[in-house]
């Protein structure tokens, strides 16, 4: 995705947990939504650290995935994270891979 599309992307993706008709969320106010977004970001960074990648919010509307070499990718929702991370890492994130599990358990 180009950076302009990242800026204009939607802000009501289901991962944002925004209260709206037909959607249950316990994050009904701005502070609780920001707190939940911070938790999601911390968890994603813990998983991404196993491949030396990092994720940051950008302008509160998009995400920036970065590699240790400085390569970056911008996208608008966490649903794009894993395909982008796998492409950047050059191999898939297999949650059943014993090496991956060992690294995750070491983070705890």
N, C-alpha and C. Protein backbone atom coordinates (compact mmCIF):
# COMPACT_ATOMS: atom_id res chain seq x y z
N UNK A 1 0.84 -1.18 0.00
CA UNK A 1 0.00 0.00 0.00
C UNK A 1 0.89 1.24 0.00
N UNK A 2 0.50 2.23 -0.75
CA UNK A 2 1.29 3.46 -0.75
C UNK A 2 0.97 4.27 0.51
N UNK A 3 1.82 5.22 0.83
CA UNK A 3 1.63 5.98 2.06
C UNK A 3 0.35 6.83 2.02
N UNK A 4 -0.07 7.29 0.86
CA UNK A 4 -1.30 8.07 0.77
C UNK A 4 -2.51 7.22 1.14
N UNK A 5 -2.55 5.98 0.63
CA UNK A 5 -3.66 5.09 0.98
C UNK A 5 -3.64 4.79 2.47
N UNK A 6 -2.45 4.71 3.08
CA UNK A 6 -2.36 4.49 4.51
C UNK A 6 -2.99 5.63 5.29
N UNK A 7 -2.84 6.84 4.80
CA UNK A 7 -3.41 8.01 5.47
C UNK A 7 -4.92 8.04 5.30
N UNK A 8 -5.39 7.67 4.12
CA UNK A 8 -6.83 7.74 3.83
C UNK A 8 -7.57 6.47 4.20
N UNK A 9 -6.88 5.48 4.73
CA UNK A 9 -7.51 4.20 5.04
C UNK A 9 -8.61 4.34 6.08
N UNK A 10 -9.41 3.29 6.20
CA UNK A 10 -10.54 3.32 7.12
C UNK A 10 -10.04 3.31 8.56
N UNK A 11 -10.84 3.88 9.46
CA UNK A 11 -10.49 3.88 10.86
C UNK A 11 -11.49 3.10 11.68
N UNK A 12 -12.38 2.36 11.03
CA UNK A 12 -13.37 1.59 11.77
C UNK A 12 -13.22 0.09 11.53
N UNK A 13 -11.99 -0.36 11.29
CA UNK A 13 -11.74 -1.78 11.14
C UNK A 13 -12.10 -2.50 12.44
N UNK A 14 -12.54 -3.76 12.35
CA UNK A 14 -12.99 -4.46 13.54
C UNK A 14 -11.91 -4.57 14.60
N UNK A 15 -10.64 -4.53 14.22
CA UNK A 15 -9.59 -4.60 15.23
C UNK A 15 -9.48 -3.32 16.04
N UNK A 16 -10.13 -2.25 15.59
CA UNK A 16 -10.10 -0.99 16.33
C UNK A 16 -11.06 -0.99 17.51
N UNK A 17 -12.00 -1.94 17.53
CA UNK A 17 -12.95 -2.08 18.63
C UNK A 17 -13.71 -0.79 18.92
N UNK A 18 -14.17 -0.12 17.89
CA UNK A 18 -14.94 1.11 18.04
C UNK A 18 -16.41 0.73 18.25
N UNK A 19 -17.04 1.31 19.27
CA UNK A 19 -18.45 1.04 19.54
C UNK A 19 -19.31 1.60 18.41
N UNK A 20 -20.17 0.75 17.86
CA UNK A 20 -21.12 1.17 16.83
C UNK A 20 -22.26 0.16 16.83
N UNK A 21 -23.39 0.50 16.23
CA UNK A 21 -24.54 -0.40 16.26
C UNK A 21 -24.18 -1.80 15.73
N UNK A 22 -24.60 -2.80 16.50
CA UNK A 22 -24.36 -4.18 16.08
C UNK A 22 -23.00 -4.73 16.46
N UNK A 23 -22.17 -3.93 17.10
CA UNK A 23 -20.82 -4.36 17.48
C UNK A 23 -20.66 -4.23 18.98
N UNK A 24 -20.29 -5.33 19.65
CA UNK A 24 -20.03 -5.26 21.07
C UNK A 24 -18.57 -4.91 21.29
N UNK A 25 -18.32 -4.01 22.20
CA UNK A 25 -16.96 -3.71 22.63
C UNK A 25 -17.00 -3.17 24.04
N UNK A 26 -16.00 -3.51 24.81
CA UNK A 26 -15.91 -2.93 26.14
C UNK A 26 -15.10 -1.64 26.11
N UNK A 27 -14.58 -1.30 24.94
CA UNK A 27 -13.78 -0.08 24.77
C UNK A 27 -14.66 1.01 24.19
N UNK A 28 -15.51 1.60 25.03
CA UNK A 28 -16.47 2.57 24.53
C UNK A 28 -15.95 4.00 24.51
N UNK A 29 -14.87 4.26 25.20
CA UNK A 29 -14.34 5.63 25.21
C UNK A 29 -12.94 5.64 24.59
N UNK A 30 -12.48 6.84 24.27
CA UNK A 30 -11.21 7.01 23.58
C UNK A 30 -10.02 6.46 24.37
N UNK A 31 -10.03 6.68 25.68
CA UNK A 31 -8.90 6.22 26.51
C UNK A 31 -8.82 4.70 26.51
N UNK A 32 -9.94 4.02 26.67
CA UNK A 32 -9.90 2.56 26.70
C UNK A 32 -9.53 2.00 25.33
N UNK A 33 -9.94 2.66 24.25
CA UNK A 33 -9.53 2.20 22.91
C UNK A 33 -8.04 2.37 22.71
N UNK A 34 -7.48 3.47 23.20
CA UNK A 34 -6.02 3.70 23.08
C UNK A 34 -5.25 2.67 23.91
N UNK A 35 -5.77 2.36 25.11
CA UNK A 35 -5.13 1.38 25.98
C UNK A 35 -5.13 0.00 25.29
N UNK A 36 -6.25 -0.38 24.70
CA UNK A 36 -6.35 -1.66 24.01
C UNK A 36 -5.42 -1.68 22.80
N UNK A 37 -5.35 -0.57 22.07
CA UNK A 37 -4.44 -0.50 20.91
C UNK A 37 -2.99 -0.66 21.35
N UNK A 38 -2.64 -0.09 22.50
CA UNK A 38 -1.27 -0.23 23.02
C UNK A 38 -0.97 -1.67 23.38
N UNK A 39 -1.94 -2.36 23.98
CA UNK A 39 -1.75 -3.78 24.30
C UNK A 39 -1.55 -4.61 23.04
N UNK A 40 -2.36 -4.36 22.01
CA UNK A 40 -2.22 -5.11 20.75
C UNK A 40 -0.85 -4.86 20.13
N UNK A 41 -0.41 -3.62 20.17
CA UNK A 41 0.88 -3.26 19.60
C UNK A 41 2.02 -3.95 20.36
N UNK A 42 1.94 -3.98 21.69
CA UNK A 42 2.98 -4.63 22.50
C UNK A 42 3.03 -6.13 22.20
N UNK A 43 1.87 -6.75 22.09
CA UNK A 43 1.82 -8.19 21.79
C UNK A 43 2.38 -8.46 20.40
N UNK A 44 1.98 -7.66 19.42
CA UNK A 44 2.50 -7.85 18.06
C UNK A 44 4.01 -7.68 18.02
N UNK A 45 4.53 -6.69 18.75
CA UNK A 45 5.98 -6.47 18.76
C UNK A 45 6.71 -7.62 19.44
N UNK A 46 6.11 -8.23 20.45
CA UNK A 46 6.74 -9.39 21.08
C UNK A 46 6.87 -10.53 20.07
N UNK A 47 5.82 -10.76 19.30
CA UNK A 47 5.86 -11.83 18.28
C UNK A 47 6.81 -11.47 17.15
N UNK A 48 6.78 -10.21 16.72
CA UNK A 48 7.64 -9.78 15.61
C UNK A 48 9.11 -9.76 15.99
N UNK A 49 9.41 -9.59 17.26
CA UNK A 49 10.82 -9.53 17.69
C UNK A 49 11.56 -10.84 17.42
N UNK A 50 10.81 -11.93 17.28
CA UNK A 50 11.45 -13.21 16.97
C UNK A 50 12.08 -13.19 15.58
N UNK A 51 11.66 -12.25 14.74
CA UNK A 51 12.23 -12.11 13.39
C UNK A 51 12.91 -10.76 13.22
N UNK A 52 13.18 -10.08 14.34
CA UNK A 52 13.87 -8.79 14.35
C UNK A 52 13.08 -7.71 13.59
N UNK A 53 11.76 -7.81 13.62
CA UNK A 53 10.89 -6.80 13.01
C UNK A 53 10.24 -6.01 14.14
N UNK A 54 9.77 -4.81 13.82
CA UNK A 54 9.06 -4.01 14.82
C UNK A 54 7.89 -3.30 14.16
N UNK A 55 6.89 -3.00 14.99
CA UNK A 55 5.67 -2.36 14.52
C UNK A 55 5.42 -1.12 15.35
N UNK A 56 5.01 -0.04 14.70
CA UNK A 56 4.67 1.21 15.39
C UNK A 56 3.39 1.77 14.78
N UNK A 57 2.65 2.50 15.59
CA UNK A 57 1.50 3.21 15.06
C UNK A 57 1.98 4.46 14.35
N UNK A 58 1.24 4.85 13.34
CA UNK A 58 1.59 6.06 12.61
C UNK A 58 0.36 6.93 12.51
N UNK A 59 0.41 8.09 13.11
CA UNK A 59 -0.68 9.07 13.09
C UNK A 59 -1.96 8.51 13.73
N UNK A 60 -1.86 7.44 14.50
CA UNK A 60 -3.04 6.86 15.14
C UNK A 60 -4.00 6.22 14.17
N UNK A 61 -3.63 6.10 12.92
CA UNK A 61 -4.54 5.56 11.91
C UNK A 61 -3.94 4.43 11.10
N UNK A 62 -2.64 4.29 11.11
CA UNK A 62 -1.96 3.28 10.30
C UNK A 62 -0.84 2.67 11.13
N UNK A 63 -0.22 1.66 10.54
CA UNK A 63 0.89 0.98 11.20
C UNK A 63 2.10 1.00 10.29
N UNK A 64 3.27 1.04 10.90
CA UNK A 64 4.52 0.98 10.16
C UNK A 64 5.30 -0.23 10.65
N UNK A 65 5.54 -1.14 9.75
CA UNK A 65 6.34 -2.33 10.03
C UNK A 65 7.76 -2.04 9.56
N UNK A 66 8.76 -2.31 10.41
CA UNK A 66 10.14 -1.99 10.06
C UNK A 66 11.04 -3.20 10.28
N UNK A 67 12.03 -3.29 9.40
CA UNK A 67 13.03 -4.36 9.53
C UNK A 67 14.29 -3.76 10.14
N UNK A 68 15.24 -4.60 10.57
CA UNK A 68 16.48 -4.06 11.15
C UNK A 68 17.34 -3.33 10.13
N UNK A 69 17.08 -3.53 8.83
CA UNK A 69 17.86 -2.82 7.81
C UNK A 69 17.24 -1.47 7.44
N UNK A 70 16.08 -1.13 8.05
CA UNK A 70 15.45 0.14 7.77
C UNK A 70 14.33 0.06 6.74
N UNK A 71 14.09 -1.11 6.20
CA UNK A 71 12.98 -1.27 5.27
C UNK A 71 11.68 -1.08 6.05
N UNK A 72 10.72 -0.36 5.47
CA UNK A 72 9.44 -0.13 6.14
C UNK A 72 8.28 -0.43 5.20
N UNK A 73 7.15 -0.74 5.81
CA UNK A 73 5.91 -0.97 5.08
C UNK A 73 4.78 -0.37 5.89
N UNK A 74 3.91 0.41 5.25
CA UNK A 74 2.79 1.06 5.92
C UNK A 74 1.51 0.35 5.51
N UNK A 75 0.65 0.11 6.48
CA UNK A 75 -0.67 -0.47 6.19
C UNK A 75 -1.67 0.07 7.21
N UNK A 76 -2.96 -0.08 6.90
CA UNK A 76 -3.98 0.60 7.70
C UNK A 76 -4.66 -0.23 8.77
N UNK A 77 -4.49 -1.56 8.77
CA UNK A 77 -5.17 -2.38 9.79
C UNK A 77 -4.29 -3.56 10.14
N UNK A 78 -4.46 -4.06 11.35
CA UNK A 78 -3.65 -5.19 11.79
C UNK A 78 -3.90 -6.45 10.97
N UNK A 79 -5.02 -6.50 10.28
CA UNK A 79 -5.29 -7.66 9.43
C UNK A 79 -4.25 -7.80 8.31
N UNK A 80 -3.52 -6.73 8.01
CA UNK A 80 -2.48 -6.76 6.98
C UNK A 80 -1.11 -7.11 7.56
N UNK A 81 -1.02 -7.18 8.88
CA UNK A 81 0.28 -7.34 9.52
C UNK A 81 1.00 -8.62 9.11
N UNK A 82 0.36 -9.77 9.26
CA UNK A 82 1.10 -11.02 9.08
C UNK A 82 1.54 -11.26 7.65
N UNK A 83 0.71 -10.99 6.64
CA UNK A 83 1.24 -11.13 5.26
C UNK A 83 2.41 -10.19 5.00
N UNK A 84 2.33 -8.96 5.51
CA UNK A 84 3.43 -8.01 5.31
C UNK A 84 4.68 -8.46 6.07
N UNK A 85 4.49 -8.95 7.30
CA UNK A 85 5.63 -9.40 8.11
C UNK A 85 6.30 -10.62 7.48
N UNK A 86 5.50 -11.53 6.96
CA UNK A 86 6.08 -12.72 6.32
C UNK A 86 6.84 -12.33 5.06
N UNK A 87 6.30 -11.39 4.30
CA UNK A 87 7.01 -10.94 3.10
C UNK A 87 8.32 -10.25 3.47
N UNK A 88 8.30 -9.45 4.53
CA UNK A 88 9.50 -8.73 4.94
C UNK A 88 10.53 -9.67 5.55
N UNK A 89 10.06 -10.66 6.31
CA UNK A 89 10.98 -11.61 6.95
C UNK A 89 11.49 -12.66 5.96
N UNK A 90 10.76 -12.85 4.88
CA UNK A 90 11.18 -13.82 3.88
C UNK A 90 10.82 -15.25 4.20
N UNK A 91 10.01 -15.43 5.24
CA UNK A 91 9.52 -16.77 5.59
C UNK A 91 8.27 -16.63 6.44
N UNK A 92 7.44 -17.66 6.47
CA UNK A 92 6.17 -17.55 7.20
C UNK A 92 6.34 -17.60 8.71
N UNK A 93 5.35 -17.05 9.40
CA UNK A 93 5.27 -17.19 10.86
C UNK A 93 4.42 -18.42 11.12
N UNK A 94 5.05 -19.50 11.49
CA UNK A 94 4.34 -20.74 11.79
C UNK A 94 4.17 -20.83 13.30
N UNK A 95 2.92 -20.68 13.81
CA UNK A 95 2.73 -20.71 15.27
C UNK A 95 3.04 -22.06 15.89
N UNK A 96 3.20 -23.10 15.07
CA UNK A 96 3.52 -24.43 15.59
C UNK A 96 5.00 -24.76 15.45
N UNK A 97 5.77 -23.85 14.90
CA UNK A 97 7.22 -24.07 14.75
C UNK A 97 7.86 -24.11 16.14
N UNK A 98 8.54 -25.20 16.50
CA UNK A 98 9.15 -25.31 17.83
C UNK A 98 10.13 -24.17 18.14
N UNK A 99 10.88 -23.71 17.14
CA UNK A 99 11.81 -22.60 17.36
C UNK A 99 11.06 -21.31 17.69
N UNK A 100 9.96 -21.06 16.99
CA UNK A 100 9.14 -19.87 17.24
C UNK A 100 8.53 -19.94 18.64
N UNK A 101 8.01 -21.10 19.01
CA UNK A 101 7.41 -21.28 20.34
C UNK A 101 8.46 -21.07 21.42
N UNK A 102 9.65 -21.59 21.20
CA UNK A 102 10.72 -21.43 22.18
C UNK A 102 11.07 -19.95 22.38
N UNK A 103 11.12 -19.19 21.28
CA UNK A 103 11.43 -17.76 21.37
C UNK A 103 10.32 -17.00 22.10
N UNK A 104 9.06 -17.35 21.82
CA UNK A 104 7.93 -16.70 22.48
C UNK A 104 7.95 -16.99 23.97
N UNK A 105 8.23 -18.23 24.34
CA UNK A 105 8.27 -18.58 25.76
C UNK A 105 9.43 -17.87 26.47
N UNK A 106 10.51 -17.62 25.76
CA UNK A 106 11.65 -16.91 26.36
C UNK A 106 11.31 -15.44 26.62
N UNK A 107 10.40 -14.87 25.84
CA UNK A 107 10.00 -13.47 26.01
C UNK A 107 9.22 -13.30 27.31
N UNK A 108 8.42 -14.28 27.69
CA UNK A 108 7.59 -14.18 28.90
C UNK A 108 8.44 -13.87 30.04
